[in-house]
Structure formats: C-alpha cells, structure tokens
C-alpha cells in the first residue's frame, strides 16, 4: 500500500515522503480501515508519539495523521461492535501508524459508525476538532447556560466548532482571531468578535471560560480574563499563568465513540457546520504540512476515490 512516512526527526516536514509499506496487521480488538479521507495536525511531527511507541521504542518510519474516515475491511481477533463493509470515522492511536495511508489499523473502540449521507471528506475533519471542542468546553470547563466564554482562534478548526457548541448551549460567546475572520465567527453564532491584531485582549471583559488554542502570550494574558470560579482551558501547552481565583486546565483530546456519533448527528441535522479548507490528494500531503501555511479551515487529504454521499458534503 502507499502511505506518507517520516523517518528522520531532524528533517521535519522535509522528511515526509510518499512510500510503499506493507499492509497493516490487525491486532486483537483492531479493525483495518480502507481510508477514504484523512486529517492531520501540522504540529504532530513534534509529538513524541510520532517517533516512539507506548514503550518508548523507536517506531520509524512513522505514518502521521490521526483523523480518518473510511470502510472496515478486516476485523482483528475478538473485535466486536463493527462489521466488515461498515463506514466508520474516528481517531487513530497517537503512538501507532496513522491515517495518511491507504489502509490503517485502528482500535475498534476509537471509531464510530458513519451515516451513509455524510461524505468521508466531511467526516475526516470532525474527530479531533469536534471532540476537542466538546471536551474543552463541557468536560473540563463545565460550561453552562448563561455563562460567558471567550474562544480564541474562533475561525479555526477547533474554535469554529467550539463557538457553535457554546452558542447552542446558551452561553454568551466572544470569538477572537484576525480581523478577516470577523464575519465568519459572527456567522457561526458568536455574540461578539475581538480582533487580536487591532483590539486589546482585555477589552473582552471577564469570562467564566476562556478556551485557548493559540498558546504563548495570548494564553498567558488570558488568565486575567477569568472571573472567580472560572476556568482557563487550553490545548496549546501547560499554562504558565493561572487565574487568580480560578482553574487552569491543559488537556489532550481523547477518543469517544458516543460523542463522535452525537457530533455526526449534529452535522446531519444542520446544527453544526465545519469550516473546511483545501482537499488534497495523498501525494500532496507533505506540502500541506509546510510551516507558515495559513489556510482557513481544516485541510483534508483524500486517500481513496470514494463517491460523495448525497447528504452532508464539503462546502455545506
């Protein structure tokens, strides 16, 4: 099979290449998925799990990418809950070969059934962004109706979903980003927008929750926005500044089959829109990782030649 691999940590993006690899082995409780579309995180070449397995042993050449949508073609020993031929989407393990390949082995519990009317390209954009937004807002920050939340990077893959989920939950939402993102963020349901290049962050006022995906100075300054009893939650890294009378939480997204199914239903109902970026073939995946590239929405890699479903499609 063909896959994108990386062998040299020091080579960075320049070390990514389209290569031939053996067909993967389905371990106990695994399934083999024929990947139709895949997502990736540009910074994952810096993650330890890209280079070593759970025991800390070198596992190069590694296949990056962790979001996928496709069809089950094989079941490992003892695997239950999924069947051969079933459409699925979800997350590949952080310390195993990922989704930028024609076939990949995934723990069955990390996948959810994909409705027939949701296109693979749309589904591949949902797992990390959707689960991160939900877990940050509700599992970690415990956002409730009537509270105020500041969402940094509100036009991005995670932030755009967080804005919609918070709005639907009855929170007052203040989105931040570049000035060009204002209309997009307000159109997703934000009550106000703050231009991080032209406005003062402190003008956002006090908030019960600040959801950060940017890190650095923005994360540090955001601690002062959190009112007593509130929460600063981030996926960028452990915060160095903490709210004076609140909590600071750094977390890494976890697979959740039930929540994935719920998010897919929200897509079908029109209650959730994804901000999709370019859709590129597998051969162009190395270029999509290039540092400094700024594209609106989530870049998706189309691996298989699956026909589009008649329902939720790219661009909806």
Protein backbone atom coordinates (compact mmCIF):
# COMPACT_ATOMS: atom_id res chain seq x y z
CA UNK A 1 0.00 0.00 0.00
CA UNK A 2 1.01 3.64 -0.31
CA UNK A 3 1.46 5.88 2.69
CA UNK A 4 3.09 9.10 3.80
CA UNK A 5 6.04 8.28 6.05
CA UNK A 6 8.65 10.18 8.01
CA UNK A 7 11.97 8.66 9.09
CA UNK A 8 14.17 11.48 10.36
CA UNK A 9 13.01 13.67 13.23
CA UNK A 10 15.59 16.33 12.41
CA UNK A 11 14.40 16.58 8.81
CA UNK A 12 10.97 17.85 9.87
CA UNK A 13 8.49 18.39 7.06
CA UNK A 14 11.27 17.79 4.54
CA UNK A 15 11.42 14.19 5.71
CA UNK A 16 7.84 13.39 4.68
CA UNK A 17 7.56 11.22 1.58
CA UNK A 18 5.06 9.03 -0.27
CA UNK A 19 6.34 5.45 0.04
CA UNK A 20 5.25 1.82 -0.20
CA UNK A 21 4.55 -0.01 3.06
CA UNK A 22 3.31 -3.50 3.90
CA UNK A 23 -0.40 -3.96 4.53
CA UNK A 24 -1.01 -3.46 8.29
CA UNK A 25 -1.67 -6.23 10.81
CA UNK A 26 -4.95 -6.28 12.73
CA UNK A 27 -4.14 -6.92 16.39
CA UNK A 28 -6.69 -8.03 18.95
CA UNK A 29 -9.68 -5.65 19.08
CA UNK A 30 -8.42 -3.81 15.99
CA UNK A 31 -10.02 -3.22 12.63
CA UNK A 32 -8.31 -2.48 9.34
CA UNK A 33 -9.83 0.56 7.65
CA UNK A 34 -9.57 1.36 3.97
CA UNK A 35 -9.00 5.08 4.37
CA UNK A 36 -11.01 7.36 2.09
CA UNK A 37 -10.16 10.70 3.73
CA UNK A 38 -7.75 11.74 6.48
CA UNK A 39 -6.94 14.73 8.63
CA UNK A 40 -3.72 15.75 10.33
CA UNK A 41 -2.36 18.31 12.78
CA UNK A 42 0.56 20.38 11.41
CA UNK A 43 2.46 20.23 14.70
CA UNK A 44 2.32 16.47 15.12
CA UNK A 45 5.88 15.98 13.85
CA UNK A 46 6.90 17.45 17.22
CA UNK A 47 4.84 14.95 19.22
CA UNK A 48 6.77 12.14 20.97
CA UNK A 49 4.18 9.61 19.82
CA UNK A 50 5.08 10.26 16.20
CA UNK A 51 8.51 8.77 16.81
CA UNK A 52 8.13 6.17 19.56
CA UNK A 53 5.60 3.56 20.62
CA UNK A 54 3.94 3.31 24.02
CA UNK A 55 7.07 1.68 25.46
CA UNK A 56 9.30 4.49 24.20
CA UNK A 57 10.87 2.41 21.41
CA UNK A 58 11.68 3.93 18.04
CA UNK A 59 8.94 3.14 15.52
CA UNK A 60 10.14 4.90 12.39
CA UNK A 61 9.29 5.01 9.57
CA UNK A 62 6.11 6.50 11.01
CA UNK A 63 2.84 7.28 9.27
CA UNK A 64 1.40 10.60 10.54
CA UNK A 65 -2.22 11.73 10.60
CA UNK A 66 -4.78 10.69 13.21
CA UNK A 67 -8.23 11.55 11.83
CA UNK A 68 -9.80 9.21 9.32
CA UNK A 69 -12.96 8.21 7.56
CA UNK A 70 -13.30 5.04 5.55
CA UNK A 71 -14.63 1.49 5.39
CA UNK A 72 -13.82 -1.51 7.58
CA UNK A 73 -12.16 -4.27 5.52
CA UNK A 74 -10.90 -6.62 8.24
CA UNK A 75 -11.56 -7.43 11.89
CA UNK A 76 -8.88 -8.40 14.38
CA UNK A 77 -9.33 -11.26 16.83
CA UNK A 78 -12.05 -10.53 19.38
CA UNK A 79 -13.23 -7.34 17.70
CA UNK A 80 -16.90 -6.58 18.28
CA UNK A 81 -19.26 -3.70 17.58
CA UNK A 82 -18.19 -3.14 13.94
CA UNK A 83 -18.54 -5.21 10.78
CA UNK A 84 -16.65 -5.63 7.51
CA UNK A 85 -18.00 -3.20 4.93
CA UNK A 86 -19.17 -0.67 7.54
CA UNK A 87 -18.49 3.05 7.04
CA UNK A 88 -16.63 4.47 10.06
CA UNK A 89 -14.75 7.56 11.22
CA UNK A 90 -12.65 8.42 14.25
CA UNK A 91 -9.15 8.65 15.69
CA UNK A 92 -6.06 6.56 15.11
CA UNK A 93 -3.88 5.86 18.15
CA UNK A 94 -1.30 8.55 18.98
CA UNK A 95 1.61 6.07 19.17
CA UNK A 96 0.82 3.87 16.14
CA UNK A 97 0.88 4.47 12.41
CA UNK A 98 -1.82 6.92 11.47
CA UNK A 99 -4.28 7.79 8.74
CA UNK A 100 -2.17 9.14 5.86
CA UNK A 101 -2.17 5.70 4.28
CA UNK A 102 -4.41 3.59 2.07
CA UNK A 103 -5.03 1.19 4.98
CA UNK A 104 -4.53 1.60 8.71
CA UNK A 105 -5.08 -0.49 11.83
CA UNK A 106 -7.22 1.20 14.48
CA UNK A 107 -8.65 0.11 17.80
CA UNK A 108 -12.35 -0.50 17.19
CA UNK A 109 -13.34 1.49 20.27
CA UNK A 110 -11.84 4.63 18.69
CA UNK A 111 -14.23 4.54 15.73
CA UNK A 112 -17.90 5.41 15.33
CA UNK A 113 -20.31 4.35 12.59
CA UNK A 114 -20.57 6.93 9.81
CA UNK A 115 -24.06 7.63 8.43
CA UNK A 116 -24.45 6.96 4.71
CA UNK A 117 -25.37 10.60 3.99
CA UNK A 118 -22.18 12.12 5.44
CA UNK A 119 -19.30 12.40 3.00
CA UNK A 120 -15.95 10.91 4.02
CA UNK A 121 -14.22 14.25 3.42
CA UNK A 122 -16.51 15.97 5.93
CA UNK A 123 -16.24 13.16 8.47
CA UNK A 124 -12.44 13.22 8.45
CA UNK A 125 -12.49 16.85 9.58
CA UNK A 126 -14.58 16.13 12.65
CA UNK A 127 -12.85 13.77 15.14
CA UNK A 128 -10.03 15.86 16.67
CA UNK A 129 -11.68 19.26 16.22
CA UNK A 130 -15.14 18.17 17.35
CA UNK A 131 -14.01 16.11 20.34
CA UNK A 132 -11.51 18.78 21.41
CA UNK A 133 -14.17 21.49 21.33
CA UNK A 134 -16.67 19.39 23.28
CA UNK A 135 -14.24 18.10 25.89
CA UNK A 136 -12.69 21.52 26.45
CA UNK A 137 -16.00 23.32 26.89
CA UNK A 138 -18.06 20.78 28.79
CA UNK A 139 -15.86 18.05 30.28
CA UNK A 140 -13.05 20.30 31.50
CA UNK A 141 -14.50 23.84 31.77
CA UNK A 142 -18.04 22.68 32.64
CA UNK A 143 -19.64 25.48 30.62
CA UNK A 144 -23.32 26.03 31.36
CA UNK A 145 -26.21 28.14 30.05
CA UNK A 146 -25.88 31.85 30.76
CA UNK A 147 -22.11 31.86 31.20
CA UNK A 148 -19.66 33.84 29.07
CA UNK A 149 -16.93 32.09 27.09
CA UNK A 150 -14.03 33.56 25.13
CA UNK A 151 -12.95 31.29 22.26
CA UNK A 152 -9.52 32.06 20.83
CA UNK A 153 -8.89 31.15 17.20
CA UNK A 154 -12.64 31.10 16.66
CA UNK A 155 -12.46 30.68 12.88
CA UNK A 156 -10.14 27.69 13.08
CA UNK A 157 -10.98 24.00 13.01
CA UNK A 158 -11.43 23.66 16.79
CA UNK A 159 -12.55 27.20 17.54
CA UNK A 160 -15.31 27.26 14.93
CA UNK A 161 -16.91 24.15 16.44
CA UNK A 162 -16.46 25.48 19.98
CA UNK A 163 -18.32 28.68 19.02
CA UNK A 164 -21.28 26.70 17.68
CA UNK A 165 -21.45 24.28 20.61
CA UNK A 166 -21.22 27.08 23.18
CA UNK A 167 -23.87 29.11 21.37
CA UNK A 168 -26.24 26.17 21.23
CA UNK A 169 -25.67 25.57 24.95
CA UNK A 170 -26.95 29.07 25.70
CA UNK A 171 -23.64 30.71 26.55
CA UNK A 172 -22.58 34.22 25.55
CA UNK A 173 -19.73 33.69 23.08
CA UNK A 174 -16.87 36.10 22.34
CA UNK A 175 -14.72 34.86 19.46
CA UNK A 176 -11.21 36.10 18.74
CA UNK A 177 -8.97 35.95 15.70
CA UNK A 178 -7.76 38.01 12.78
CA UNK A 179 -9.90 40.85 11.50
CA UNK A 180 -10.65 38.98 8.27
CA UNK A 181 -12.35 36.25 10.33
CA UNK A 182 -14.96 38.55 11.89
CA UNK A 183 -17.87 37.74 9.58
CA UNK A 184 -17.16 34.01 9.70
CA UNK A 185 -17.10 33.92 13.50
CA UNK A 186 -20.23 36.03 13.93
CA UNK A 187 -21.97 33.88 11.33
CA UNK A 188 -21.24 30.79 13.43
CA UNK A 189 -23.15 32.25 16.37
CA UNK A 190 -20.66 34.35 18.32
CA UNK A 191 -22.19 37.35 20.10
CA UNK A 192 -19.06 39.48 19.69
CA UNK A 193 -15.68 39.37 17.94
CA UNK A 194 -12.27 40.61 19.12
CA UNK A 195 -9.53 41.29 16.57
CA UNK A 196 -6.32 40.07 18.22
CA UNK A 197 -4.24 42.28 15.91
CA UNK A 198 -6.16 45.53 16.39
CA UNK A 199 -8.08 45.29 19.67
CA UNK A 200 -6.96 44.96 23.27
CA UNK A 201 -7.46 41.44 24.61
CA UNK A 202 -8.50 42.92 27.93
CA UNK A 203 -11.50 44.55 26.21
CA UNK A 204 -13.12 41.13 26.09
CA UNK A 205 -14.01 41.63 29.77
CA UNK A 206 -14.43 38.93 32.36
CA UNK A 207 -15.44 35.44 31.30
CA UNK A 208 -16.43 32.25 33.03
CA UNK A 209 -14.44 30.23 30.50
CA UNK A 210 -11.55 31.03 28.18
CA UNK A 211 -10.86 28.34 25.58
CA UNK A 212 -7.37 28.75 24.10
CA UNK A 213 -5.87 27.04 21.07
CA UNK A 214 -3.08 29.57 20.45
CA UNK A 215 -0.75 29.46 23.44
CA UNK A 216 2.14 31.82 24.14
CA UNK A 217 1.40 35.41 25.11
CA UNK A 218 -2.32 35.09 24.33
CA UNK A 219 -2.61 32.17 26.75
CA UNK A 220 -0.69 33.97 29.48
CA UNK A 221 -2.71 37.18 29.16
CA UNK A 222 -5.97 35.25 29.10
CA UNK A 223 -5.59 34.21 32.72
CA UNK A 224 -6.57 37.73 33.77
CA UNK A 225 -9.88 37.43 31.89
CA UNK A 226 -11.14 34.53 34.01
CA UNK A 227 -13.53 35.61 36.75
CA UNK A 228 -13.57 33.98 40.17
CA UNK A 229 -14.52 30.33 39.93
CA UNK A 230 -13.94 30.24 36.17
CA UNK A 231 -11.68 28.12 34.00
CA UNK A 232 -8.88 28.74 31.53
CA UNK A 233 -8.67 25.67 29.29
CA UNK A 234 -6.03 25.16 26.62
CA UNK A 235 -4.70 22.58 24.18
CA UNK A 236 -1.55 24.58 23.38
CA UNK A 237 0.55 23.51 26.38
CA UNK A 238 0.64 23.75 30.17
CA UNK A 239 -0.15 27.39 31.08
CA UNK A 240 2.47 29.38 32.98
CA UNK A 241 -0.03 32.00 34.14
CA UNK A 242 -3.09 30.89 36.08
CA UNK A 243 -6.33 32.68 37.01
CA UNK A 244 -6.09 34.25 40.45
CA UNK A 245 -9.28 32.62 41.70
CA UNK A 246 -9.99 30.02 39.06
CA UNK A 247 -8.66 26.91 37.38
CA UNK A 248 -6.23 26.36 34.52
CA UNK A 249 -6.52 23.11 32.54
CA UNK A 250 -4.30 21.72 29.79
CA UNK A 251 -5.65 18.61 28.09
CA UNK A 252 -5.13 16.25 25.18
CA UNK A 253 -8.22 15.08 23.34
CA UNK A 254 -9.40 11.52 23.96
CA UNK A 255 -11.38 9.20 21.66
CA UNK A 256 -15.08 8.96 22.42
CA UNK A 257 -17.30 6.83 20.17
CA UNK A 258 -20.56 8.05 21.69
CA UNK A 259 -19.67 11.71 21.33
CA UNK A 260 -18.48 11.20 17.75
CA UNK A 261 -21.86 9.73 16.89
CA UNK A 262 -23.56 12.73 18.51
CA UNK A 263 -21.41 15.18 16.54
CA UNK A 264 -22.20 13.35 13.29
CA UNK A 265 -25.91 13.65 14.05
CA UNK A 266 -25.49 17.38 14.62
CA UNK A 267 -23.94 17.62 11.15
CA UNK A 268 -26.89 15.77 9.63
CA UNK A 269 -29.37 18.00 11.47
CA UNK A 270 -27.66 21.17 10.27
CA UNK A 271 -26.88 22.17 13.85
CA UNK A 272 -23.13 22.04 13.18
CA UNK A 273 -21.11 23.40 10.28
CA UNK A 274 -17.48 22.61 9.59
CA UNK A 275 -15.06 25.19 8.23
CA UNK A 276 -13.27 23.07 5.64
CA UNK A 277 -10.07 24.08 3.94
CA UNK A 278 -8.39 22.57 0.86
CA UNK A 279 -8.91 18.91 -0.07
CA UNK A 280 -5.67 17.48 -1.45
CA UNK A 281 -4.57 14.05 -2.74
CA UNK A 282 -2.30 11.81 -0.69
CA UNK A 283 0.70 12.69 -2.84
CA UNK A 284 0.39 16.35 -1.77
CA UNK A 285 0.19 15.68 1.96
CA UNK A 286 3.87 16.62 2.60
CA UNK A 287 3.29 20.07 1.10
CA UNK A 288 0.19 20.51 3.27
CA UNK A 289 2.37 20.19 6.38
CA UNK A 290 4.62 23.07 5.32
CA UNK A 291 5.18 25.53 8.20
CA UNK A 292 3.82 29.03 7.85
CA UNK A 293 0.92 27.98 5.62
CA UNK A 294 -2.26 29.68 6.77
CA UNK A 295 -5.45 28.32 5.31
CA UNK A 296 -8.97 28.87 6.56
CA UNK A 297 -10.46 25.68 7.90
CA UNK A 298 -9.23 22.12 8.12
CA UNK A 299 -7.09 20.70 5.31
CA UNK A 300 -8.23 17.19 4.36
CA UNK A 301 -6.30 14.55 2.46
CA UNK A 302 -8.38 12.43 0.09
CA UNK A 303 -6.84 8.97 0.09
CA UNK A 304 -9.43 6.74 -1.59
CA UNK A 305 -11.67 7.53 -4.53
CA UNK A 306 -14.95 7.33 -2.64
CA UNK A 307 -18.02 8.92 -4.26
CA UNK A 308 -19.63 11.72 -2.35
CA UNK A 309 -22.66 10.89 -0.24
CA UNK A 310 -25.91 12.66 -1.17
CA UNK A 311 -26.28 14.38 2.21
CA UNK A 312 -23.61 16.32 4.16
CA UNK A 313 -20.87 17.23 1.69
CA UNK A 314 -17.83 19.52 1.65
CA UNK A 315 -18.85 23.15 1.48
CA UNK A 316 -22.17 22.76 3.28
